[in-house]
Amino acid sequence: MSQPVTIWDEKTHIVLHKSDGAIQIPLVNAYSWTLGRGSENDIPLSDKCASRNHAMFQIVGESSYFLIDLGSRNGSFVNGKRVTIPISLKNGDRIILGETNLEFYCPETITSPDTNATQNEETTDAAATAMLHKRQLITVLVVDIRDFTKLTQQMDEHILSEAIGTWFRRAGEIIDRHGSWVDKYIGDAVMTVWIHETSKSSDTVATQDMLKVYRALHELYEMSNELNQQFEFPFQLRVGAGVNTGYAMVGQMGTSDHPDYTALGDTVNAAFRLESSTKQLGLDVAIGSATYSHTPYAAVLLPLKQYSVDLKGYTTPTITYAGTFNELGTYIKKLDAE
């Protein structure tokens, strides 16, 4: 006998409590919703203690909802705990933004295989839409905030939350500006993906496509440096990055109007391992050999050195090209001068 199938209810919503009662606001037909005191937000808050741009709900992957504090002054709280890094939400979570109380609901519907054939067909179609995947050439960028645990131990929680919330907000803006989106939040790291259009006769990445990756990465580094001037950190805020290019199974979410995808496979895993290798090498950026081969004028203009590194989970050493953000900036300037 087949097992029941669990599907996500399309009516994911929040309940917003106001002085004159509660209202239900659906979180559908988009991939993100901003909340704050400003009228430009998707969900404006009539709350003097809420920041103008306070927080954001975002769908990440195929069905995960995250709450991201956008550097608010008074903080965002989930089940009584202040949000510092993006946090995955569960059905029934209680949220406080300033003095505003909300609840998050993402109910699941259990569909029995014994229901009528029409309902089974609809369930199958919905699942097929959500799980449609295609093998495509992609570049994966993973950016990690260095020594985040030490920051949490040495900084005031309110200042830390505002600073890191600002970092995630600006990171999302930079990534969006360069033609991608945040695919995953993993603690104090973000993963983003660029999908490359290729022809049947060639899998070459267009120059401008690859430059979007490098420009986004360098802007993330510069933005992180700017925050060192804006906030008093106990030590300099630093980031590290891994970049990898290759084929992966890429799936489009079926519940969003935004062309939001998630990628799976070794190309993605290796990007995370390459980011970790920068800590061993004492450098800022590590790129895979395939990324290097697709990088315009890499051998002439890109001042990264070749290393052989042992990546966790891999049986043989991996060739990577690694260096500093300053060297990456030099490469971008040379290209701009061409």
C-alpha atoms as a PDB file:
ATOM      1  CA  MET A   1       0.000   0.000   0.000  1.00  0.00           C
ATOM      2  CA  SER A   2       1.429   3.393  -1.001  1.00  0.00           C
ATOM      3  CA  GLN A   3       2.261   5.939   1.677  1.00  0.00           C
ATOM      4  CA  PRO A   4       0.399   9.263   2.143  1.00  0.00           C
ATOM      5  CA  VAL A   5       2.029  12.211   0.420  1.00  0.00           C
ATOM      6  CA  THR A   6       2.837  15.408   2.350  1.00  0.00           C
ATOM      7  CA  ILE A   7       2.570  18.606   0.319  1.00  0.00           C
ATOM      8  CA  TRP A   8       2.997  22.248   1.286  1.00  0.00           C
ATOM      9  CA  ASP A   9      -0.276  24.129   1.673  1.00  0.00           C
ATOM     10  CA  GLU A  10      -0.341  27.119  -0.688  1.00  0.00           C
ATOM     11  CA  LYS A  11      -1.941  29.247   2.015  1.00  0.00           C
ATOM     12  CA  THR A  12       1.175  29.913   4.032  1.00  0.00           C
ATOM     13  CA  HIS A  13       0.472  33.091   5.989  1.00  0.00           C
ATOM     14  CA  ILE A  14       1.196  35.251   8.998  1.00  0.00           C
ATOM     15  CA  VAL A  15      -1.264  36.528  11.562  1.00  0.00           C
ATOM     16  CA  LEU A  16      -0.528  40.160  12.410  1.00  0.00           C
ATOM     17  CA  HIS A  17      -1.909  41.392  15.727  1.00  0.00           C
ATOM     18  CA  LYS A  18      -3.041  45.033  15.802  1.00  0.00           C
ATOM     19  CA  SER A  19      -4.730  47.179  18.444  1.00  0.00           C
ATOM     20  CA  ASP A  20      -8.095  46.708  16.733  1.00  0.00           C
ATOM     21  CA  GLY A  21      -7.740  42.954  16.147  1.00  0.00           C
ATOM     22  CA  ALA A  22      -5.747  40.433  14.115  1.00  0.00           C
ATOM     23  CA  ILE A  23      -5.429  40.132  10.334  1.00  0.00           C
ATOM     24  CA  GLN A  24      -4.227  37.227   8.217  1.00  0.00           C
ATOM     25  CA  ILE A  25      -1.694  38.041   5.483  1.00  0.00           C
ATOM     26  CA  PRO A  26      -0.910  35.325   2.897  1.00  0.00           C
ATOM     27  CA  LEU A  27       2.705  34.729   1.874  1.00  0.00           C
ATOM     28  CA  VAL A  28       2.071  33.626  -1.711  1.00  0.00           C
ATOM     29  CA  ASN A  29       2.775  34.727  -5.300  1.00  0.00           C
ATOM     30  CA  ALA A  30       6.217  36.117  -4.464  1.00  0.00           C
ATOM     31  CA  TYR A  31       9.548  34.919  -3.055  1.00  0.00           C
ATOM     32  CA  SER A  32      10.090  37.620  -0.431  1.00  0.00           C
ATOM     33  CA  TRP A  33       8.094  40.088   1.657  1.00  0.00           C
ATOM     34  CA  THR A  34       9.591  43.056   3.516  1.00  0.00           C
ATOM     35  CA  LEU A  35       8.201  44.407   6.786  1.00  0.00           C
ATOM     36  CA  GLY A  36       8.853  47.765   8.394  1.00  0.00           C
ATOM     37  CA  ARG A  37       7.568  51.199   9.323  1.00  0.00           C
ATOM     38  CA  GLY A  38       8.127  52.574   5.811  1.00  0.00           C
ATOM     39  CA  SER A  39       5.196  52.608   3.390  1.00  0.00           C
ATOM     40  CA  GLU A  40       7.386  51.055   0.671  1.00  0.00           C
ATOM     41  CA  ASN A  41       7.369  47.708   2.496  1.00  0.00           C
ATOM     42  CA  ASP A  42       5.242  44.802   1.305  1.00  0.00           C
ATOM     43  CA  ILE A  43       3.811  44.618   4.838  1.00  0.00           C
ATOM     44  CA  PRO A  44       3.872  48.104   6.460  1.00  0.00           C
ATOM     45  CA  LEU A  45       3.913  48.145  10.265  1.00  0.00           C
ATOM     46  CA  SER A  46       2.158  50.869  12.272  1.00  0.00           C
ATOM     47  CA  ASP A  47       4.728  50.627  15.022  1.00  0.00           C
ATOM     48  CA  LYS A  48       6.972  53.457  16.223  1.00  0.00           C
ATOM     49  CA  CYS A  49       9.452  50.871  17.564  1.00  0.00           C
ATOM     50  CA  ALA A  50       9.822  49.137  14.186  1.00  0.00           C
ATOM     51  CA  SER A  51      12.647  50.257  11.903  1.00  0.00           C
ATOM     52  CA  ARG A  52      11.817  51.716   8.508  1.00  0.00           C
ATOM     53  CA  ASN A  53      13.117  48.497   6.909  1.00  0.00           C
ATOM     54  CA  HIS A  54      12.906  46.019   9.744  1.00  0.00           C
ATOM     55  CA  ALA A  55      12.818  42.413   8.507  1.00  0.00           C
ATOM     56  CA  MET A  56      12.033  40.172   5.569  1.00  0.00           C
ATOM     57  CA  PHE A  57      10.354  36.828   4.976  1.00  0.00           C
ATOM     58  CA  GLN A  58      12.017  34.912   2.152  1.00  0.00           C
ATOM     59  CA  ILE A  59      11.460  31.565   0.481  1.00  0.00           C
ATOM     60  CA  VAL A  60      14.782  29.767   0.128  1.00  0.00           C
ATOM     61  CA  GLY A  61      15.132  26.502  -1.764  1.00  0.00           C
ATOM     62  CA  GLU A  62      11.907  24.747  -2.659  1.00  0.00           C
ATOM     63  CA  SER A  63       9.762  25.283   0.436  1.00  0.00           C
ATOM     64  CA  SER A  64      11.746  26.794   3.312  1.00  0.00           C
ATOM     65  CA  TYR A  65      10.672  30.149   4.741  1.00  0.00           C
ATOM     66  CA  PHE A  66      13.297  32.290   6.485  1.00  0.00           C
ATOM     67  CA  LEU A  67      13.035  35.394   8.637  1.00  0.00           C
ATOM     68  CA  ILE A  68      15.905  37.810   8.041  1.00  0.00           C
ATOM     69  CA  ASP A  69      16.474  40.833  10.243  1.00  0.00           C
ATOM     70  CA  LEU A  70      17.489  43.779   8.045  1.00  0.00           C
ATOM     71  CA  GLY A  71      19.637  45.548  10.610  1.00  0.00           C
ATOM     72  CA  SER A  72      16.729  46.802  12.729  1.00  0.00           C
ATOM     73  CA  ARG A  73      17.446  48.934  15.791  1.00  0.00           C
ATOM     74  CA  ASN A  74      15.137  47.083  18.199  1.00  0.00           C
ATOM     75  CA  GLY A  75      15.584  43.609  16.763  1.00  0.00           C
ATOM     76  CA  SER A  76      13.498  40.696  15.508  1.00  0.00           C
ATOM     77  CA  PHE A  77      12.608  37.822  17.829  1.00  0.00           C
ATOM     78  CA  VAL A  78      11.407  34.288  17.081  1.00  0.00           C
ATOM     79  CA  ASN A  79       9.943  32.379  20.028  1.00  0.00           C
ATOM     80  CA  GLY A  80      11.618  34.857  22.396  1.00  0.00           C
ATOM     81  CA  LYS A  81      15.103  34.573  20.877  1.00  0.00           C
ATOM     82  CA  ARG A  82      16.700  37.481  19.055  1.00  0.00           C
ATOM     83  CA  VAL A  83      17.461  36.828  15.390  1.00  0.00           C
ATOM     84  CA  THR A  84      21.064  37.482  14.419  1.00  0.00           C
ATOM     85  CA  ILE A  85      21.495  35.318  11.341  1.00  0.00           C
ATOM     86  CA  PRO A  86      18.649  34.273   8.980  1.00  0.00           C
ATOM     87  CA  ILE A  87      16.460  31.719  10.759  1.00  0.00           C
ATOM     88  CA  SER A  88      14.292  28.991   9.244  1.00  0.00           C
ATOM     89  CA  LEU A  89      10.665  29.273  10.334  1.00  0.00           C
ATOM     90  CA  LYS A  90       8.385  26.482  11.532  1.00  0.00           C
ATOM     91  CA  ASN A  91       4.619  26.269  11.630  1.00  0.00           C
ATOM     92  CA  GLY A  92       3.333  28.162  14.686  1.00  0.00           C
ATOM     93  CA  ASP A  93       6.457  30.252  15.338  1.00  0.00           C
ATOM     94  CA  ARG A  94       5.825  33.454  17.330  1.00  0.00           C
ATOM     95  CA  ILE A  95       7.550  36.560  15.979  1.00  0.00           C
ATOM     96  CA  ILE A  96       8.077  40.011  17.511  1.00  0.00           C
ATOM     97  CA  LEU A  97       9.235  42.974  15.408  1.00  0.00           C
ATOM     98  CA  GLY A  98       9.556  46.099  17.548  1.00  0.00           C
ATOM     99  CA  GLU A  99       6.266  46.007  19.468  1.00  0.00           C
ATOM    100  CA  THR A 100       4.435  44.099  16.722  1.00  0.00           C
ATOM    101  CA  ASN A 101       3.375  40.498  17.394  1.00  0.00           C
ATOM    102  CA  LEU A 102       2.932  37.962  14.598  1.00  0.00           C
ATOM    103  CA  GLU A 103       2.539  34.240  14.155  1.00  0.00           C
ATOM    104  CA  PHE A 104       3.826  32.285  11.183  1.00  0.00           C
ATOM    105  CA  TYR A 105       1.772  29.435   9.752  1.00  0.00           C
ATOM    106  CA  CYS A 106       2.886  27.049   7.044  1.00  0.00           C
ATOM    107  CA  PRO A 107       0.384  24.187   7.428  1.00  0.00           C
ATOM    108  CA  GLU A 108       0.914  20.806   5.835  1.00  0.00           C
ATOM    109  CA  THR A 109      -1.875  18.871   4.166  1.00  0.00           C
ATOM    110  CA  ILE A 110      -1.780  15.078   4.285  1.00  0.00           C
ATOM    111  CA  THR A 111      -3.272  13.658   1.107  1.00  0.00           C
ATOM    112  CA  SER A 112      -4.378  10.061   1.372  1.00  0.00           C
ATOM    113  CA  PRO A 113      -3.828   7.726  -1.594  1.00  0.00           C
ATOM    114  CA  ASP A 114      -7.391   6.464  -1.075  1.00  0.00           C
ATOM    115  CA  THR A 115      -8.995   9.759  -2.182  1.00  0.00           C
ATOM    116  CA  ASN A 116     -10.570  10.137  -5.613  1.00  0.00           C
ATOM    117  CA  ALA A 117      -8.492   9.991  -8.791  1.00  0.00           C
ATOM    118  CA  THR A 118      -8.875  13.697  -9.564  1.00  0.00           C
ATOM    119  CA  GLN A 119      -7.341  14.699  -6.249  1.00  0.00           C
ATOM    120  CA  ASN A 120      -4.469  12.245  -6.772  1.00  0.00           C
ATOM    121  CA  GLU A 121      -3.803  13.699 -10.216  1.00  0.00           C
ATOM    122  CA  GLU A 122      -3.772  17.231  -8.822  1.00  0.00           C
ATOM    123  CA  THR A 123      -1.336  16.195  -6.079  1.00  0.00           C
ATOM    124  CA  THR A 124       0.921  14.473  -8.608  1.00  0.00           C
ATOM    125  CA  ASP A 125       0.884  17.512 -10.886  1.00  0.00           C
ATOM    126  CA  ALA A 126       1.733  19.833  -7.992  1.00  0.00           C
ATOM    127  CA  ALA A 127       4.625  17.635  -6.901  1.00  0.00           C
ATOM    128  CA  ALA A 128       5.919  17.400 -10.465  1.00  0.00           C
ATOM    129  CA  THR A 129       5.888  21.185 -10.800  1.00  0.00           C
ATOM    130  CA  ALA A 130       7.831  21.665  -7.587  1.00  0.00           C
ATOM    131  CA  MET A 131      10.393  18.982  -8.405  1.00  0.00           C
ATOM    132  CA  LEU A 132      11.096  19.787 -12.066  1.00  0.00           C
ATOM    133  CA  HIS A 133      14.871  19.712 -12.499  1.00  0.00           C
ATOM    134  CA  LYS A 134      17.214  20.211 -15.421  1.00  0.00           C
ATOM    135  CA  ARG A 135      20.944  19.658 -15.818  1.00  0.00           C
ATOM    136  CA  GLN A 136      22.559  23.064 -16.351  1.00  0.00           C
ATOM    137  CA  LEU A 137      25.940  24.738 -16.204  1.00  0.00           C
ATOM    138  CA  ILE A 138      26.145  26.939 -13.120  1.00  0.00           C
ATOM    139  CA  THR A 139      28.578  28.918 -10.999  1.00  0.00           C
ATOM    140  CA  VAL A 140      28.111  28.673  -7.240  1.00  0.00           C
ATOM    141  CA  LEU A 141      29.379  31.332  -4.835  1.00  0.00           C
ATOM    142  CA  VAL A 142      29.584  30.667  -1.092  1.00  0.00           C
ATOM    143  CA  VAL A 143      30.466  33.599   1.194  1.00  0.00           C
ATOM    144  CA  ASP A 144      31.118  33.077   4.906  1.00  0.00           C
ATOM    145  CA  ILE A 145      31.487  35.601   7.733  1.00  0.00           C
ATOM    146  CA  ARG A 146      34.793  34.792   9.448  1.00  0.00           C
ATOM    147  CA  ASP A 147      35.010  34.106  13.208  1.00  0.00           C
ATOM    148  CA  PHE A 148      31.287  34.631  13.701  1.00  0.00           C
ATOM    149  CA  THR A 149      31.246  32.610  16.936  1.00  0.00           C
ATOM    150  CA  LYS A 150      33.867  34.927  18.434  1.00  0.00           C
ATOM    151  CA  LEU A 151      31.755  37.915  17.414  1.00  0.00           C
ATOM    152  CA  THR A 152      28.742  36.500  19.257  1.00  0.00           C
ATOM    153  CA  GLN A 153      30.876  36.018  22.366  1.00  0.00           C
ATOM    154  CA  GLN A 154      32.475  39.459  22.357  1.00  0.00           C
ATOM    155  CA  MET A 155      29.751  41.809  21.078  1.00  0.00           C
ATOM    156  CA  ASP A 156      26.621  43.231  22.648  1.00  0.00           C
ATOM    157  CA  GLU A 157      23.690  41.246  21.268  1.00  0.00           C
ATOM    158  CA  HIS A 158      21.779  44.339  20.110  1.00  0.00           C
ATOM    159  CA  ILE A 159      24.735  45.771  18.181  1.00  0.00           C
ATOM    160  CA  LEU A 160      25.654  42.367  16.745  1.00  0.00           C
ATOM    161  CA  SER A 161      22.101  41.809  15.504  1.00  0.00           C
ATOM    162  CA  GLU A 162      21.949  45.225  13.849  1.00  0.00           C
ATOM    163  CA  ALA A 163      25.384  44.804  12.237  1.00  0.00           C
ATOM    164  CA  ILE A 164      24.882  41.285  10.905  1.00  0.00           C
ATOM    165  CA  GLY A 165      21.317  42.055   9.851  1.00  0.00           C
ATOM    166  CA  THR A 166      22.701  44.969   7.841  1.00  0.00           C
ATOM    167  CA  TRP A 167      25.285  42.647   6.279  1.00  0.00           C
ATOM    168  CA  PHE A 168      22.642  40.147   5.122  1.00  0.00           C
ATOM    169  CA  ARG A 169      20.366  42.904   3.789  1.00  0.00           C
ATOM    170  CA  ARG A 170      23.144  44.507   1.759  1.00  0.00           C
ATOM    171  CA  ALA A 171      24.423  41.109   0.602  1.00  0.00           C
ATOM    172  CA  GLY A 172      20.980  40.312  -0.807  1.00  0.00           C
ATOM    173  CA  GLU A 173      20.876  43.658  -2.614  1.00  0.00           C
ATOM    174  CA  ILE A 174      24.327  43.126  -4.141  1.00  0.00           C
ATOM    175  CA  ILE A 175      23.553  39.599  -5.284  1.00  0.00           C
ATOM    176  CA  ASP A 176      20.237  40.697  -6.795  1.00  0.00           C
ATOM    177  CA  ARG A 177      21.912  43.590  -8.607  1.00  0.00           C
ATOM    178  CA  HIS A 178      24.310  41.152 -10.280  1.00  0.00           C
ATOM    179  CA  GLY A 179      21.613  38.859 -11.590  1.00  0.00           C
ATOM    180  CA  SER A 180      21.300  36.139  -8.964  1.00  0.00           C
ATOM    181  CA  TRP A 181      19.531  35.350  -5.694  1.00  0.00           C
ATOM    182  CA  VAL A 182      20.293  33.841  -2.304  1.00  0.00           C
ATOM    183  CA  ASP A 183      19.794  30.105  -2.745  1.00  0.00           C
ATOM    184  CA  LYS A 184      20.616  29.087   0.828  1.00  0.00           C
ATOM    185  CA  TYR A 185      21.438  30.521   4.225  1.00  0.00           C
ATOM    186  CA  ILE A 186      23.694  28.238   6.233  1.00  0.00           C
ATOM    187  CA  GLY A 187      24.276  29.881   9.575  1.00  0.00           C
ATOM    188  CA  ASP A 188      26.573  32.825   8.908  1.00  0.00           C
ATOM    189  CA  ALA A 189      27.096  31.982   5.221  1.00  0.00           C
ATOM    190  CA  VAL A 190      25.145  32.564   2.026  1.00  0.00           C
ATOM    191  CA  MET A 191      25.100  30.534  -1.160  1.00  0.00           C
ATOM    192  CA  THR A 192      24.124  32.027  -4.497  1.00  0.00           C
ATOM    193  CA  VAL A 193      23.949  30.560  -7.995  1.00  0.00           C
ATOM    194  CA  TRP A 194      24.353  31.913 -11.514  1.00  0.00           C
ATOM    195  CA  ILE A 195      22.842  29.785 -14.290  1.00  0.00           C
ATOM    196  CA  HIS A 196      24.730  29.974 -17.592  1.00  0.00           C
ATOM    197  CA  GLU A 197      23.086  29.712 -20.984  1.00  0.00           C
ATOM    198  CA  THR A 198      25.025  27.329 -23.213  1.00  0.00           C
ATOM    199  CA  SER A 199      24.670  26.129 -26.783  1.00  0.00           C
ATOM    200  CA  LYS A 200      24.632  22.515 -27.950  1.00  0.00           C
ATOM    201  CA  SER A 201      28.069  22.928 -29.484  1.00  0.00           C
ATOM    202  CA  SER A 202      29.738  24.769 -26.586  1.00  0.00           C
ATOM    203  CA  ASP A 203      29.624  25.011 -22.805  1.00  0.00           C
ATOM    204  CA  THR A 204      31.623  28.233 -22.653  1.00  0.00           C
ATOM    205  CA  VAL A 205      30.470  30.825 -20.124  1.00  0.00           C
ATOM    206  CA  ALA A 206      29.977  34.310 -21.568  1.00  0.00           C
ATOM    207  CA  THR A 207      32.525  36.857 -20.331  1.00  0.00           C
ATOM    208  CA  GLN A 208      29.899  39.139 -18.817  1.00  0.00           C
ATOM    209  CA  ASP A 209      28.247  36.217 -16.999  1.00  0.00           C
ATOM    210  CA  MET A 210      31.461  35.269 -15.237  1.00  0.00           C
ATOM    211  CA  LEU A 211      32.278  38.886 -14.461  1.00  0.00           C
ATOM    212  CA  LYS A 212      28.921  39.223 -12.649  1.00  0.00           C
ATOM    213  CA  VAL A 213      30.153  36.609 -10.177  1.00  0.00           C
ATOM    214  CA  TYR A 214      33.473  38.343  -9.547  1.00  0.00           C
ATOM    215  CA  ARG A 215      31.943  41.811  -9.332  1.00  0.00           C
ATOM    216  CA  ALA A 216      29.341  40.604  -6.842  1.00  0.00           C
ATOM    217  CA  LEU A 217      32.007  38.930  -4.728  1.00  0.00           C
ATOM    218  CA  HIS A 218      34.242  41.989  -4.672  1.00  0.00           C
ATOM    219  CA  GLU A 219      31.299  44.236  -3.754  1.00  0.00           C
ATOM    220  CA  LEU A 220      30.464  41.881  -0.878  1.00  0.00           C
ATOM    221  CA  TYR A 221      34.027  42.302   0.353  1.00  0.00           C
ATOM    222  CA  GLU A 222      33.880  46.104   0.026  1.00  0.00           C
ATOM    223  CA  MET A 223      30.520  46.219   1.790  1.00  0.00           C
ATOM    224  CA  SER A 224      31.940  44.169   4.658  1.00  0.00           C
ATOM    225  CA  ASN A 225      34.799  46.645   4.972  1.00  0.00           C
ATOM    226  CA  GLU A 226      32.350  49.553   5.074  1.00  0.00           C
ATOM    227  CA  LEU A 227      30.556  47.956   8.023  1.00  0.00           C
ATOM    228  CA  ASN A 228      33.827  48.093   9.959  1.00  0.00           C
ATOM    229  CA  GLN A 229      33.511  51.876   9.776  1.00  0.00           C
ATOM    230  CA  GLN A 230      29.819  51.838  10.708  1.00  0.00           C
ATOM    231  CA  PHE A 231      29.938  49.459  13.697  1.00  0.00           C
ATOM    232  CA  GLU A 232      32.395  48.902  16.527  1.00  0.00           C
ATOM    233  CA  PHE A 233      33.530  45.302  16.118  1.00  0.00           C
ATOM    234  CA  PRO A 234      36.015  43.761  18.571  1.00  0.00           C
ATOM    235  CA  PHE A 235      38.111  42.851  15.531  1.00  0.00           C
ATOM    236  CA  GLN A 236      37.817  43.505  11.807  1.00  0.00           C
ATOM    237  CA  LEU A 237      34.783  41.944  10.135  1.00  0.00           C
ATOM    238  CA  ARG A 238      36.084  39.655   7.392  1.00  0.00           C
ATOM    239  CA  VAL A 239      34.567  37.288   4.852  1.00  0.00           C
ATOM    240  CA  GLY A 240      35.884  34.363   2.837  1.00  0.00           C
ATOM    241  CA  ALA A 241      34.562  32.808  -0.346  1.00  0.00           C
ATOM    242  CA  GLY A 242      34.546  29.716  -2.524  1.00  0.00           C
ATOM    243  CA  VAL A 243      33.546  29.713  -6.200  1.00  0.00           C
ATOM    244  CA  ASN A 244      32.896  26.656  -8.317  1.00  0.00           C
ATOM    245  CA  THR A 245      31.582  26.087 -11.848  1.00  0.00           C
ATOM    246  CA  GLY A 246      30.108  22.899 -13.274  1.00  0.00           C
ATOM    247  CA  TYR A 247      26.962  21.051 -14.158  1.00  0.00           C
ATOM    248  CA  ALA A 248      24.248  20.482 -11.561  1.00  0.00           C
ATOM    249  CA  MET A 249      20.600  19.588 -11.342  1.00  0.00           C
ATOM    250  CA  VAL A 250      18.725  22.875 -11.150  1.00  0.00           C
ATOM    251  CA  GLY A 251      15.053  23.009 -10.171  1.00  0.00           C
ATOM    252  CA  GLN A 252      12.580  25.878 -10.419  1.00  0.00           C
ATOM    253  CA  MET A 253      10.200  26.440  -7.550  1.00  0.00           C
ATOM    254  CA  GLY A 254       6.596  25.941  -8.622  1.00  0.00           C
ATOM    255  CA  THR A 255       5.077  28.282  -6.009  1.00  0.00           C
ATOM    256  CA  SER A 256       6.747  31.580  -6.902  1.00  0.00           C
ATOM    257  CA  ASP A 257       6.399  34.170  -9.639  1.00  0.00           C
ATOM    258  CA  HIS A 258      10.116  34.911  -9.205  1.00  0.00           C
ATOM    259  CA  PRO A 259      12.443  32.725 -11.337  1.00  0.00           C
ATOM    260  CA  ASP A 260      13.854  31.174  -8.181  1.00  0.00           C
ATOM    261  CA  TYR A 261      15.861  27.984  -8.448  1.00  0.00           C
ATOM    262  CA  THR A 262      17.759  25.626  -6.238  1.00  0.00           C
ATOM    263  CA  ALA A 263      20.797  23.614  -7.307  1.00  0.00           C
ATOM    264  CA  LEU A 264      21.935  20.170  -6.200  1.00  0.00           C
ATOM    265  CA  GLY A 265      25.050  18.112  -6.802  1.00  0.00           C
ATOM    266  CA  ASP A 266      28.815  17.902  -6.506  1.00  0.00           C
ATOM    267  CA  THR A 267      29.343  21.358  -8.020  1.00  0.00           C
ATOM    268  CA  VAL A 268      27.480  22.863  -5.057  1.00  0.00           C
ATOM    269  CA  ASN A 269      29.213  20.689  -2.445  1.00  0.00           C
ATOM    270  CA  ALA A 270      32.653  21.539  -3.819  1.00  0.00           C
ATOM    271  CA  ALA A 271      31.942  25.292  -3.575  1.00  0.00           C
ATOM    272  CA  PHE A 272      31.405  24.912   0.185  1.00  0.00           C
ATOM    273  CA  ARG A 273      34.581  22.854   0.515  1.00  0.00           C
ATOM    274  CA  LEU A 274      36.560  25.425  -1.451  1.00  0.00           C
ATOM    275  CA  GLU A 275      35.349  28.167   0.870  1.00  0.00           C
ATOM    276  CA  SER A 276      36.561  26.111   3.842  1.00  0.00           C
ATOM    277  CA  SER A 277      39.944  25.599   2.159  1.00  0.00           C
ATOM    278  CA  THR A 278      40.642  29.347   2.271  1.00  0.00           C
ATOM    279  CA  LYS A 279      40.990  29.049   6.055  1.00  0.00           C
ATOM    280  CA  GLN A 280      43.681  26.380   5.616  1.00  0.00           C
ATOM    281  CA  LEU A 281      45.463  28.480   2.995  1.00  0.00           C
ATOM    282  CA  GLY A 282      45.168  31.727   4.952  1.00  0.00           C
ATOM    283  CA  LEU A 283      43.616  33.464   1.924  1.00  0.00           C
ATOM    284  CA  ASP A 284      40.297  35.092   1.038  1.00  0.00           C
ATOM    285  CA  VAL A 285      39.052  33.405  -2.125  1.00  0.00           C
ATOM    286  CA  ALA A 286      39.393  29.928  -3.638  1.00  0.00           C
ATOM    287  CA  ILE A 287      37.993  29.056  -7.060  1.00  0.00           C
ATOM    288  CA  GLY A 288      37.670  25.662  -8.695  1.00  0.00           C
ATOM    289  CA  SER A 289      39.695  24.697 -11.757  1.00  0.00           C
ATOM    290  CA  ALA A 290      36.574  24.765 -13.953  1.00  0.00           C
ATOM    291  CA  THR A 291      35.797  28.304 -12.783  1.00  0.00           C
ATOM    292  CA  TYR A 292      39.377  29.275 -13.584  1.00  0.00           C
ATOM    293  CA  SER A 293      39.065  27.805 -17.094  1.00  0.00           C
ATOM    294  CA  HIS A 294      35.897  29.865 -17.728  1.00  0.00           C
ATOM    295  CA  THR A 295      37.405  33.083 -16.323  1.00  0.00           C
ATOM    296  CA  PRO A 296      38.251  35.600 -19.074  1.00  0.00           C
ATOM    297  CA  TYR A 297      42.012  36.131 -19.508  1.00  0.00           C
ATOM    298  CA  ALA A 298      42.677  34.235 -16.277  1.00  0.00           C
ATOM    299  CA  ALA A 299      46.202  33.149 -17.176  1.00  0.00           C
ATOM    300  CA  VAL A 300      47.207  36.727 -18.045  1.00  0.00           C
ATOM    301  CA  LEU A 301      45.196  38.986 -15.751  1.00  0.00           C
ATOM    302  CA  LEU A 302      43.979  36.971 -12.754  1.00  0.00           C
ATOM    303  CA  PRO A 303      46.748  37.014 -10.103  1.00  0.00           C
ATOM    304  CA  LEU A 304      45.692  33.886  -8.189  1.00  0.00           C
ATOM    305  CA  LYS A 305      48.126  31.080  -7.407  1.00  0.00           C
ATOM    306  CA  GLN A 306      47.507  27.380  -7.932  1.00  0.00           C
ATOM    307  CA  TYR A 307      47.251  25.093  -4.899  1.00  0.00           C
ATOM    308  CA  SER A 308      46.520  21.447  -4.278  1.00  0.00           C
ATOM    309  CA  VAL A 309      44.123  21.069  -1.354  1.00  0.00           C
ATOM    310  CA  ASP A 310      42.486  18.171   0.446  1.00  0.00           C
ATOM    311  CA  LEU A 311      38.754  18.811   0.481  1.00  0.00           C
ATOM    312  CA  LYS A 312      36.623  17.037   3.067  1.00  0.00           C
ATOM    313  CA  GLY A 313      34.773  14.096   1.496  1.00  0.00           C
ATOM    314  CA  TYR A 314      37.083  13.874  -1.538  1.00  0.00           C
ATOM    315  CA  THR A 315      39.563  11.006  -1.881  1.00  0.00           C
ATOM    316  CA  THR A 316      42.123  12.830  -4.028  1.00  0.00           C
ATOM    317  CA  PRO A 317      43.645  16.331  -3.771  1.00  0.00           C
ATOM    318  CA  THR A 318      41.797  19.089  -5.625  1.00  0.00           C
ATOM    319  CA  ILE A 319      43.386  21.838  -7.697  1.00  0.00           C
ATOM    320  CA  THR A 320      42.233  25.313  -6.737  1.00  0.00           C
ATOM    321  CA  TYR A 321      43.302  28.864  -7.494  1.00  0.00           C
ATOM    322  CA  ALA A 322      43.362  31.115  -4.464  1.00  0.00           C
ATOM    323  CA  GLY A 323      44.282  34.628  -3.429  1.00  0.00           C
ATOM    324  CA  THR A 324      43.122  37.821  -1.755  1.00  0.00           C
ATOM    325  CA  PHE A 325      40.231  40.187  -2.380  1.00  0.00           C
ATOM    326  CA  ASN A 326      42.746  42.885  -3.311  1.00  0.00           C
ATOM    327  CA  GLU A 327      44.099  40.637  -6.066  1.00  0.00           C
ATOM    328  CA  LEU A 328      40.545  40.035  -7.269  1.00  0.00           C
ATOM    329  CA  GLY A 329      39.977  43.802  -7.307  1.00  0.00           C
ATOM    330  CA  THR A 330      43.129  44.263  -9.388  1.00  0.00           C
ATOM    331  CA  TYR A 331      41.809  41.740 -11.920  1.00  0.00           C
ATOM    332  CA  ILE A 332      38.478  43.585 -12.242  1.00  0.00           C
ATOM    333  CA  LYS A 333      40.250  46.938 -12.713  1.00  0.00           C
ATOM    334  CA  LYS A 334      42.453  45.477 -15.466  1.00  0.00           C
ATOM    335  CA  LEU A 335      39.396  44.169 -17.294  1.00  0.00           C
ATOM    336  CA  ASP A 336      37.658  47.528 -16.984  1.00  0.00           C
ATOM    337  CA  ALA A 337      40.724  49.182 -18.500  1.00  0.00           C
ATOM    338  CA  GLU A 338      40.740  46.862 -21.519  1.00  0.00           C
END
